Every structure is written in C-alpha cells, then in structure tokens.
Amino acid sequence: MKTFLLDLKTSIIATIVLAVICSGLYPLVIWAIGQVAFPFQANGSLIEAKDGTVVGSALLAQGFSGEKYFHPRPSSAGTGYDPTASGGSNLGPTSQKLIDQIKQNVEAYRKENGLADNALVPADAVTASASGLDPHISAENALLQAPRVAKARNLDITVVKKEIQDATEHGFLRIGGEPGVNVLKLNLALDNLPAPSAS
C-alpha cells in the first residue's frame, strides 16, 4: 500500500509538472520567439491596405472577380475560398464530373482572357489546389491574364508585368518548387498605383 501511494504521488506530480511545461511554458516560449523573431508570420501574415485596414492574409486565396483583377485558382473549399472549409473536390482523374468541370474552366479562361480556342492554358488556372486556398498562381497564368488587367485598368502592359515580377515569390534560397505569384499582393499593388493620366 505504501508503494502504491508513493507511485500515485509521483504520477500526480509528474503529470502536473509536464502539464505546466507542455501546456504552459513551452507554448509561451514559442509564442514569445514568434512575436520577436517572426511577428508578421506569427500573427497570420496579414496584409493591410494603405489606410491600415486588414484586407486578407498572404497565406489564403480570395475570390477576386472582374476584369481589372487577377483571378486565383479555382476553389473547392466550401462555397469557394472558405478558410473554415478548406479542402479539395476529392474527384479522381477518371471522374467525368472533374473532366467536364476542367473543360468548362478552360473555355471560360480562354474567353475572359481573349485567348484563341486552341491556346494552351496553365493547369493551375483551371484546377483547384488540395486546400482550395492556395494564394499563388503560376507566372505563366499571371502573364496570360496581364493583357486583360492592363486594358481594364488603362495601364501599359509593362507596368502590369513589373507588378507581377514584384509579387512573385520563390522558395527558400530559390531552391525547390516553382515560383508563384501572390494574387492578393498583386491585386493590392495594382489598386495602390496612381490612376493613369487621361491621354
């Protein structure tokens, strides 16, 4: 009995000590390091407009529409771009529904960007990511949308291409992965450009 009580006491003390360390001290230390060393990332990578209003996160896609905006990848997250319902369509490569959906997306993409009926379309322009919230599009996708955006905003195409270049993100030390263009950053940068003077 004495041994049992000693073991019980030891177990209770160990549980309390581990709970304080793992559920209190460790998260507090990690939070403090994040706030000091990586405050932007630790607080959600939030992007603000010129007036200081938070317009979104650099980590989450938004459903931009209209000719003057670059459009993100399609989304199957909830009703689209819903961060509380992240997920893909779960349709396999042999799914007729997926095939029909991609065909429809290709046709719509070509039409809205003034492309020829046989023009090649980047895969990321017509397929959703696994999360449905990928904030990036490929550089090829962005460049194909650039003429439409430049025309709608009455901007020189070189100005739009420069903004695409500035919004392009590369992997760590440019190693691994394809570069991606952050759609929210790109659209916000375009909104922040001075209005073109009337010709």
C-alpha atoms as a PDB file:
ATOM      1  CA  MET A   1       0.000   0.000   0.000  1.00  0.00           C
ATOM      2  CA  LYS A   2       2.844   2.346   0.871  1.00  0.00           C
ATOM      3  CA  THR A   3       4.468   1.705  -2.510  1.00  0.00           C
ATOM      4  CA  PHE A   4       1.159   2.299  -4.309  1.00  0.00           C
ATOM      5  CA  LEU A   5       0.655   5.681  -2.607  1.00  0.00           C
ATOM      6  CA  LEU A   6       4.241   6.685  -3.400  1.00  0.00           C
ATOM      7  CA  ASP A   7       3.769   5.749  -7.051  1.00  0.00           C
ATOM      8  CA  LEU A   8       0.438   7.617  -7.147  1.00  0.00           C
ATOM      9  CA  LYS A   9       2.041  10.731  -5.651  1.00  0.00           C
ATOM     10  CA  THR A  10       4.918  10.540  -8.129  1.00  0.00           C
ATOM     11  CA  SER A  11       2.488  10.145 -11.047  1.00  0.00           C
ATOM     12  CA  ILE A  12       0.367  13.114  -9.941  1.00  0.00           C
ATOM     13  CA  ILE A  13       3.428  15.348  -9.509  1.00  0.00           C
ATOM     14  CA  ALA A  14       4.849  14.239 -12.868  1.00  0.00           C
ATOM     15  CA  THR A  15       1.512  14.933 -14.574  1.00  0.00           C
ATOM     16  CA  ILE A  16       1.261  18.417 -13.072  1.00  0.00           C
ATOM     17  CA  VAL A  17       4.886  19.279 -13.940  1.00  0.00           C
ATOM     18  CA  LEU A  18       4.523  18.021 -17.531  1.00  0.00           C
ATOM     19  CA  ALA A  19       1.189  19.828 -17.938  1.00  0.00           C
ATOM     20  CA  VAL A  20       2.757  23.119 -16.805  1.00  0.00           C
ATOM     21  CA  ILE A  21       5.766  22.639 -19.104  1.00  0.00           C
ATOM     22  CA  CYS A  22       3.957  21.303 -22.184  1.00  0.00           C
ATOM     23  CA  SER A  23       0.708  23.274 -21.919  1.00  0.00           C
ATOM     24  CA  GLY A  24       2.037  26.476 -20.396  1.00  0.00           C
ATOM     25  CA  LEU A  25       5.743  27.228 -20.561  1.00  0.00           C
ATOM     26  CA  TYR A  26       6.527  25.673 -23.950  1.00  0.00           C
ATOM     27  CA  PRO A  27       3.680  27.430 -25.863  1.00  0.00           C
ATOM     28  CA  LEU A  28       4.527  30.707 -24.101  1.00  0.00           C
ATOM     29  CA  VAL A  29       8.199  30.472 -25.110  1.00  0.00           C
ATOM     30  CA  ILE A  30       7.331  29.586 -28.723  1.00  0.00           C
ATOM     31  CA  TRP A  31       4.784  32.449 -28.878  1.00  0.00           C
ATOM     32  CA  ALA A  32       7.367  34.918 -27.500  1.00  0.00           C
ATOM     33  CA  ILE A  33      10.018  33.780 -30.005  1.00  0.00           C
ATOM     34  CA  GLY A  34       7.482  34.115 -32.834  1.00  0.00           C
ATOM     35  CA  GLN A  35       6.476  37.627 -31.771  1.00  0.00           C
ATOM     36  CA  VAL A  36      10.100  38.770 -31.554  1.00  0.00           C
ATOM     37  CA  ALA A  37      11.688  36.943 -34.498  1.00  0.00           C
ATOM     38  CA  PHE A  38       8.739  36.495 -36.929  1.00  0.00           C
ATOM     39  CA  PRO A  39       5.948  38.919 -35.980  1.00  0.00           C
ATOM     40  CA  PHE A  40       4.410  39.059 -39.484  1.00  0.00           C
ATOM     41  CA  GLN A  41       4.159  35.277 -39.831  1.00  0.00           C
ATOM     42  CA  ALA A  42       3.228  34.666 -36.174  1.00  0.00           C
ATOM     43  CA  ASN A  43       0.219  36.965 -36.471  1.00  0.00           C
ATOM     44  CA  GLY A  44      -1.267  35.388 -39.592  1.00  0.00           C
ATOM     45  CA  SER A  45       0.725  37.078 -42.382  1.00  0.00           C
ATOM     46  CA  LEU A  46      -1.968  39.753 -42.542  1.00  0.00           C
ATOM     47  CA  ILE A  47      -1.880  42.248 -45.409  1.00  0.00           C
ATOM     48  CA  GLU A  48      -3.112  45.794 -44.900  1.00  0.00           C
ATOM     49  CA  ALA A  49      -4.374  48.373 -47.364  1.00  0.00           C
ATOM     50  CA  LYS A  50      -2.938  51.891 -47.441  1.00  0.00           C
ATOM     51  CA  ASP A  51      -5.434  53.033 -44.807  1.00  0.00           C
ATOM     52  CA  GLY A  52      -4.332  50.279 -42.411  1.00  0.00           C
ATOM     53  CA  THR A  53      -7.397  48.092 -42.946  1.00  0.00           C
ATOM     54  CA  VAL A  54      -6.624  44.359 -42.978  1.00  0.00           C
ATOM     55  CA  VAL A  55      -7.656  43.030 -46.393  1.00  0.00           C
ATOM     56  CA  GLY A  56      -6.571  39.421 -46.020  1.00  0.00           C
ATOM     57  CA  SER A  57      -3.719  37.034 -45.385  1.00  0.00           C
ATOM     58  CA  ALA A  58      -0.790  36.339 -47.675  1.00  0.00           C
ATOM     59  CA  LEU A  59      -1.423  32.649 -46.958  1.00  0.00           C
ATOM     60  CA  LEU A  60      -5.062  32.430 -48.101  1.00  0.00           C
ATOM     61  CA  ALA A  61      -6.637  32.875 -51.519  1.00  0.00           C
ATOM     62  CA  GLN A  62      -9.602  35.162 -52.072  1.00  0.00           C
ATOM     63  CA  GLY A  63     -12.211  35.020 -54.804  1.00  0.00           C
ATOM     64  CA  PHE A  64     -11.358  38.013 -56.993  1.00  0.00           C
ATOM     65  CA  SER A  65     -13.584  38.653 -59.979  1.00  0.00           C
ATOM     66  CA  GLY A  66     -13.919  41.393 -62.565  1.00  0.00           C
ATOM     67  CA  GLU A  67     -11.670  42.295 -65.468  1.00  0.00           C
ATOM     68  CA  LYS A  68      -9.328  44.590 -63.533  1.00  0.00           C
ATOM     69  CA  TYR A  69      -8.237  41.883 -61.085  1.00  0.00           C
ATOM     70  CA  PHE A  70      -6.031  38.844 -61.449  1.00  0.00           C
ATOM     71  CA  HIS A  71      -8.031  35.743 -60.642  1.00  0.00           C
ATOM     72  CA  PRO A  72      -6.781  32.994 -58.304  1.00  0.00           C
ATOM     73  CA  ARG A  73      -7.000  29.266 -58.840  1.00  0.00           C
ATOM     74  CA  PRO A  74     -10.494  27.761 -58.726  1.00  0.00           C
ATOM     75  CA  SER A  75     -11.520  26.663 -55.237  1.00  0.00           C
ATOM     76  CA  SER A  76     -13.487  23.744 -53.824  1.00  0.00           C
ATOM     77  CA  ALA A  77     -13.230  24.991 -50.237  1.00  0.00           C
ATOM     78  CA  GLY A  78     -16.811  25.254 -49.014  1.00  0.00           C
ATOM     79  CA  THR A  79     -18.640  27.536 -51.435  1.00  0.00           C
ATOM     80  CA  GLY A  80     -15.220  28.742 -52.604  1.00  0.00           C
ATOM     81  CA  TYR A  81     -12.227  30.204 -50.772  1.00  0.00           C
ATOM     82  CA  ASP A  82     -13.783  29.436 -47.378  1.00  0.00           C
ATOM     83  CA  PRO A  83     -10.929  29.073 -44.832  1.00  0.00           C
ATOM     84  CA  THR A  84     -13.233  27.262 -42.416  1.00  0.00           C
ATOM     85  CA  ALA A  85     -13.921  24.553 -45.003  1.00  0.00           C
ATOM     86  CA  SER A  86     -10.506  24.004 -46.565  1.00  0.00           C
ATOM     87  CA  GLY A  87     -10.386  21.039 -48.884  1.00  0.00           C
ATOM     88  CA  GLY A  88     -10.340  19.769 -52.428  1.00  0.00           C
ATOM     89  CA  SER A  89     -13.127  18.324 -54.547  1.00  0.00           C
ATOM     90  CA  ASN A  90     -11.855  14.755 -53.953  1.00  0.00           C
ATOM     91  CA  LEU A  91     -12.652  13.955 -57.586  1.00  0.00           C
ATOM     92  CA  GLY A  92     -10.240  11.497 -59.200  1.00  0.00           C
ATOM     93  CA  PRO A  93      -8.597  11.801 -62.644  1.00  0.00           C
ATOM     94  CA  THR A  94     -11.166   9.424 -64.177  1.00  0.00           C
ATOM     95  CA  SER A  95     -14.138  11.390 -62.807  1.00  0.00           C
ATOM     96  CA  GLN A  96     -16.352  12.619 -65.638  1.00  0.00           C
ATOM     97  CA  LYS A  97     -17.547  15.441 -63.394  1.00  0.00           C
ATOM     98  CA  LEU A  98     -13.948  16.641 -62.968  1.00  0.00           C
ATOM     99  CA  ILE A  99     -13.230  16.338 -66.697  1.00  0.00           C
ATOM    100  CA  ASP A 100     -16.354  18.346 -67.568  1.00  0.00           C
ATOM    101  CA  GLN A 101     -15.512  20.944 -64.927  1.00  0.00           C
ATOM    102  CA  ILE A 102     -11.975  21.411 -66.256  1.00  0.00           C
ATOM    103  CA  LYS A 103     -13.251  21.703 -69.839  1.00  0.00           C
ATOM    104  CA  GLN A 104     -15.709  24.375 -68.702  1.00  0.00           C
ATOM    105  CA  ASN A 105     -12.947  26.204 -66.783  1.00  0.00           C
ATOM    106  CA  VAL A 106     -10.622  26.118 -69.813  1.00  0.00           C
ATOM    107  CA  GLU A 107     -13.320  27.555 -72.061  1.00  0.00           C
ATOM    108  CA  ALA A 108     -14.139  30.311 -69.544  1.00  0.00           C
ATOM    109  CA  TYR A 109     -10.453  31.151 -69.012  1.00  0.00           C
ATOM    110  CA  ARG A 110      -9.787  31.469 -72.747  1.00  0.00           C
ATOM    111  CA  LYS A 111     -12.872  33.634 -73.219  1.00  0.00           C
ATOM    112  CA  GLU A 112     -12.225  36.039 -70.329  1.00  0.00           C
ATOM    113  CA  ASN A 113      -8.570  36.500 -71.313  1.00  0.00           C
ATOM    114  CA  GLY A 114      -9.163  36.812 -75.072  1.00  0.00           C
ATOM    115  CA  LEU A 115      -7.193  33.674 -75.952  1.00  0.00           C
ATOM    116  CA  ALA A 116      -7.543  31.565 -79.073  1.00  0.00           C
ATOM    117  CA  ASP A 117      -9.769  28.486 -78.907  1.00  0.00           C
ATOM    118  CA  ASN A 118      -6.718  26.232 -79.131  1.00  0.00           C
ATOM    119  CA  ALA A 119      -4.467  28.226 -76.755  1.00  0.00           C
ATOM    120  CA  LEU A 120      -2.749  26.199 -74.058  1.00  0.00           C
ATOM    121  CA  VAL A 121      -3.974  27.010 -70.557  1.00  0.00           C
ATOM    122  CA  PRO A 122      -1.861  26.527 -67.396  1.00  0.00           C
ATOM    123  CA  ALA A 123      -3.126  23.708 -65.176  1.00  0.00           C
ATOM    124  CA  ASP A 124      -3.331  25.970 -62.122  1.00  0.00           C
ATOM    125  CA  ALA A 125      -5.761  28.254 -63.970  1.00  0.00           C
ATOM    126  CA  VAL A 126      -8.405  25.542 -64.278  1.00  0.00           C
ATOM    127  CA  THR A 127      -7.820  23.149 -61.368  1.00  0.00           C
ATOM    128  CA  ALA A 128      -8.239  23.711 -57.645  1.00  0.00           C
ATOM    129  CA  SER A 129      -5.451  23.077 -55.163  1.00  0.00           C
ATOM    130  CA  ALA A 130      -5.795  20.408 -52.475  1.00  0.00           C
ATOM    131  CA  SER A 131      -6.692  23.042 -49.879  1.00  0.00           C
ATOM    132  CA  GLY A 132      -8.757  25.254 -52.176  1.00  0.00           C
ATOM    133  CA  LEU A 133      -6.940  28.182 -50.567  1.00  0.00           C
ATOM    134  CA  ASP A 134      -3.650  28.397 -52.487  1.00  0.00           C
ATOM    135  CA  PRO A 135      -2.795  32.122 -52.591  1.00  0.00           C
ATOM    136  CA  HIS A 136      -0.445  31.749 -55.572  1.00  0.00           C
ATOM    137  CA  ILE A 137      -0.795  31.290 -59.291  1.00  0.00           C
ATOM    138  CA  SER A 138       1.971  30.412 -61.727  1.00  0.00           C
ATOM    139  CA  ALA A 139       3.865  33.172 -63.529  1.00  0.00           C
ATOM    140  CA  GLU A 140       2.523  31.786 -66.814  1.00  0.00           C
ATOM    141  CA  ASN A 141      -1.042  32.104 -65.532  1.00  0.00           C
ATOM    142  CA  ALA A 142      -0.413  35.690 -64.395  1.00  0.00           C
ATOM    143  CA  LEU A 143       1.179  36.687 -67.716  1.00  0.00           C
ATOM    144  CA  LEU A 144      -1.801  35.329 -69.666  1.00  0.00           C
ATOM    145  CA  GLN A 145      -4.150  37.432 -67.509  1.00  0.00           C
ATOM    146  CA  ALA A 146      -1.952  40.551 -67.747  1.00  0.00           C
ATOM    147  CA  PRO A 147      -3.341  41.977 -71.048  1.00  0.00           C
ATOM    148  CA  ARG A 148      -6.922  41.807 -69.721  1.00  0.00           C
ATOM    149  CA  VAL A 149      -5.972  43.519 -66.450  1.00  0.00           C
ATOM    150  CA  ALA A 150      -3.848  46.164 -68.204  1.00  0.00           C
ATOM    151  CA  LYS A 151      -6.690  47.003 -70.601  1.00  0.00           C
ATOM    152  CA  ALA A 152      -9.302  47.175 -67.823  1.00  0.00           C
ATOM    153  CA  ARG A 153      -7.082  49.470 -65.745  1.00  0.00           C
ATOM    154  CA  ASN A 154      -5.872  51.532 -68.727  1.00  0.00           C
ATOM    155  CA  LEU A 155      -2.265  50.671 -67.827  1.00  0.00           C
ATOM    156  CA  ASP A 156       0.735  49.912 -70.003  1.00  0.00           C
ATOM    157  CA  ILE A 157       1.342  46.167 -70.110  1.00  0.00           C
ATOM    158  CA  THR A 158       4.940  46.698 -68.940  1.00  0.00           C
ATOM    159  CA  VAL A 159       3.657  48.263 -65.710  1.00  0.00           C
ATOM    160  CA  VAL A 160       1.455  45.237 -65.025  1.00  0.00           C
ATOM    161  CA  LYS A 161       4.293  42.818 -65.823  1.00  0.00           C
ATOM    162  CA  LYS A 162       6.558  44.707 -63.404  1.00  0.00           C
ATOM    163  CA  GLU A 163       3.947  44.272 -60.659  1.00  0.00           C
ATOM    164  CA  ILE A 164       3.742  40.558 -61.487  1.00  0.00           C
ATOM    165  CA  GLN A 165       7.501  40.299 -61.102  1.00  0.00           C
ATOM    166  CA  ASP A 166       7.389  42.134 -57.752  1.00  0.00           C
ATOM    167  CA  ALA A 167       4.611  39.831 -56.450  1.00  0.00           C
ATOM    168  CA  THR A 168       6.448  36.655 -57.495  1.00  0.00           C
ATOM    169  CA  GLU A 169       7.694  34.596 -54.562  1.00  0.00           C
ATOM    170  CA  HIS A 170      10.421  31.965 -54.701  1.00  0.00           C
ATOM    171  CA  GLY A 171      11.225  29.051 -52.436  1.00  0.00           C
ATOM    172  CA  PHE A 172      13.781  29.302 -49.644  1.00  0.00           C
ATOM    173  CA  LEU A 173      17.083  30.366 -51.240  1.00  0.00           C
ATOM    174  CA  ARG A 174      15.285  29.811 -54.573  1.00  0.00           C
ATOM    175  CA  ILE A 175      15.721  26.073 -54.068  1.00  0.00           C
ATOM    176  CA  GLY A 176      12.865  23.685 -54.820  1.00  0.00           C
ATOM    177  CA  GLY A 177       9.401  24.392 -56.092  1.00  0.00           C
ATOM    178  CA  GLU A 178       8.175  26.682 -58.809  1.00  0.00           C
ATOM    179  CA  PRO A 179       7.941  30.431 -58.209  1.00  0.00           C
ATOM    180  CA  GLY A 180       4.408  31.624 -57.513  1.00  0.00           C
ATOM    181  CA  VAL A 181       2.638  34.954 -57.855  1.00  0.00           C
ATOM    182  CA  ASN A 182       0.690  36.009 -54.751  1.00  0.00           C
ATOM    183  CA  VAL A 183      -2.670  37.140 -56.156  1.00  0.00           C
ATOM    184  CA  LEU A 184      -3.741  39.257 -53.170  1.00  0.00           C
ATOM    185  CA  LYS A 185      -0.429  41.143 -53.056  1.00  0.00           C
ATOM    186  CA  LEU A 186      -0.526  41.678 -56.818  1.00  0.00           C
ATOM    187  CA  ASN A 187      -4.104  42.985 -56.883  1.00  0.00           C
ATOM    188  CA  LEU A 188      -3.484  45.234 -53.890  1.00  0.00           C
ATOM    189  CA  ALA A 189      -0.322  46.644 -55.515  1.00  0.00           C
ATOM    190  CA  LEU A 190      -2.311  47.428 -58.658  1.00  0.00           C
ATOM    191  CA  ASP A 191      -5.052  49.106 -56.618  1.00  0.00           C
ATOM    192  CA  ASN A 192      -2.394  51.239 -54.936  1.00  0.00           C
ATOM    193  CA  LEU A 193      -0.932  52.507 -58.211  1.00  0.00           C
ATOM    194  CA  PRO A 194      -1.713  56.135 -59.052  1.00  0.00           C
ATOM    195  CA  ALA A 195      -4.566  56.488 -61.527  1.00  0.00           C
ATOM    196  CA  PRO A 196      -3.279  56.729 -65.113  1.00  0.00           C
ATOM    197  CA  SER A 197      -3.475  60.204 -66.568  1.00  0.00           C
ATOM    198  CA  ALA A 198      -6.016  60.734 -69.304  1.00  0.00           C
ATOM    199  CA  SER A 199      -4.491  60.717 -72.764  1.00  0.00           C
END
